[in-house]
């Protein structure tokens, strides 16, 4: 599973197409992260142009 943390939907779509073999989850809000469900996920954080979330 891949968690992609970004506000940029175009970046998410591109990454989803690249990572199409795995389960890809778009995280836009802190509340969407489920520690138990996502504990073994690979995380991709988009930091270009401050598209990352504030935690």
Protein backbone atom coordinates (compact mmCIF):
# COMPACT_ATOMS: atom_id res chain seq x y z
CA UNK A 1 0.00 0.00 0.00
CA UNK A 2 1.18 3.50 -0.82
CA UNK A 3 -0.03 6.62 1.00
CA UNK A 4 0.42 9.74 -1.08
CA UNK A 5 0.19 12.87 1.06
CA UNK A 6 -0.54 15.86 -1.15
CA UNK A 7 -3.12 18.48 -2.02
CA UNK A 8 -2.17 18.26 -5.71
CA UNK A 9 -4.63 16.00 -7.53
CA UNK A 10 -2.57 15.94 -10.73
CA UNK A 11 0.48 14.69 -8.80
CA UNK A 12 -1.66 12.04 -7.12
CA UNK A 13 -3.08 10.89 -10.46
CA UNK A 14 0.40 10.63 -11.98
CA UNK A 15 1.75 8.67 -9.00
CA UNK A 16 -1.30 6.39 -9.00
CA UNK A 17 -0.66 5.56 -12.66
CA UNK A 18 3.02 4.87 -11.97
CA UNK A 19 2.23 2.72 -8.92
CA UNK A 20 -0.77 0.98 -10.50
CA UNK A 21 0.36 -2.45 -9.27
CA UNK A 22 -0.30 -1.55 -5.63
CA UNK A 23 -3.05 -0.10 -3.54
CA UNK A 24 -2.69 3.71 -3.66
CA UNK A 25 -4.43 5.98 -1.13
CA UNK A 26 -4.75 9.76 -1.48
CA UNK A 27 -4.41 11.56 1.85
CA UNK A 28 -5.52 15.20 1.89
CA UNK A 29 -6.41 15.63 5.56
CA UNK A 30 -4.79 14.44 8.75
CA UNK A 31 -8.07 12.79 9.77
CA UNK A 32 -7.86 10.42 6.79
CA UNK A 33 -4.82 8.62 8.21
CA UNK A 34 -5.78 5.42 10.04
CA UNK A 35 -2.77 4.25 12.08
CA UNK A 36 -3.90 0.63 12.24
CA UNK A 37 -4.95 0.37 8.59
CA UNK A 38 -1.95 2.23 7.17
CA UNK A 39 0.80 1.02 9.54
CA UNK A 40 2.70 -0.99 6.88
CA UNK A 41 2.23 1.46 4.02
CA UNK A 42 4.95 3.18 2.04
CA UNK A 43 4.55 6.95 2.32
CA UNK A 44 5.14 9.49 -0.45
CA UNK A 45 5.03 13.12 0.66
CA UNK A 46 4.71 15.88 -1.95
CA UNK A 47 6.73 18.87 -0.72
CA UNK A 48 6.96 20.82 -3.99
CA UNK A 49 5.28 24.23 -3.72
CA UNK A 50 4.20 23.41 -0.14
CA UNK A 51 1.66 20.80 -1.21
CA UNK A 52 2.28 18.87 1.99
CA UNK A 53 -0.17 18.84 4.87
CA UNK A 54 0.44 20.58 8.15
CA UNK A 55 0.64 18.01 10.95
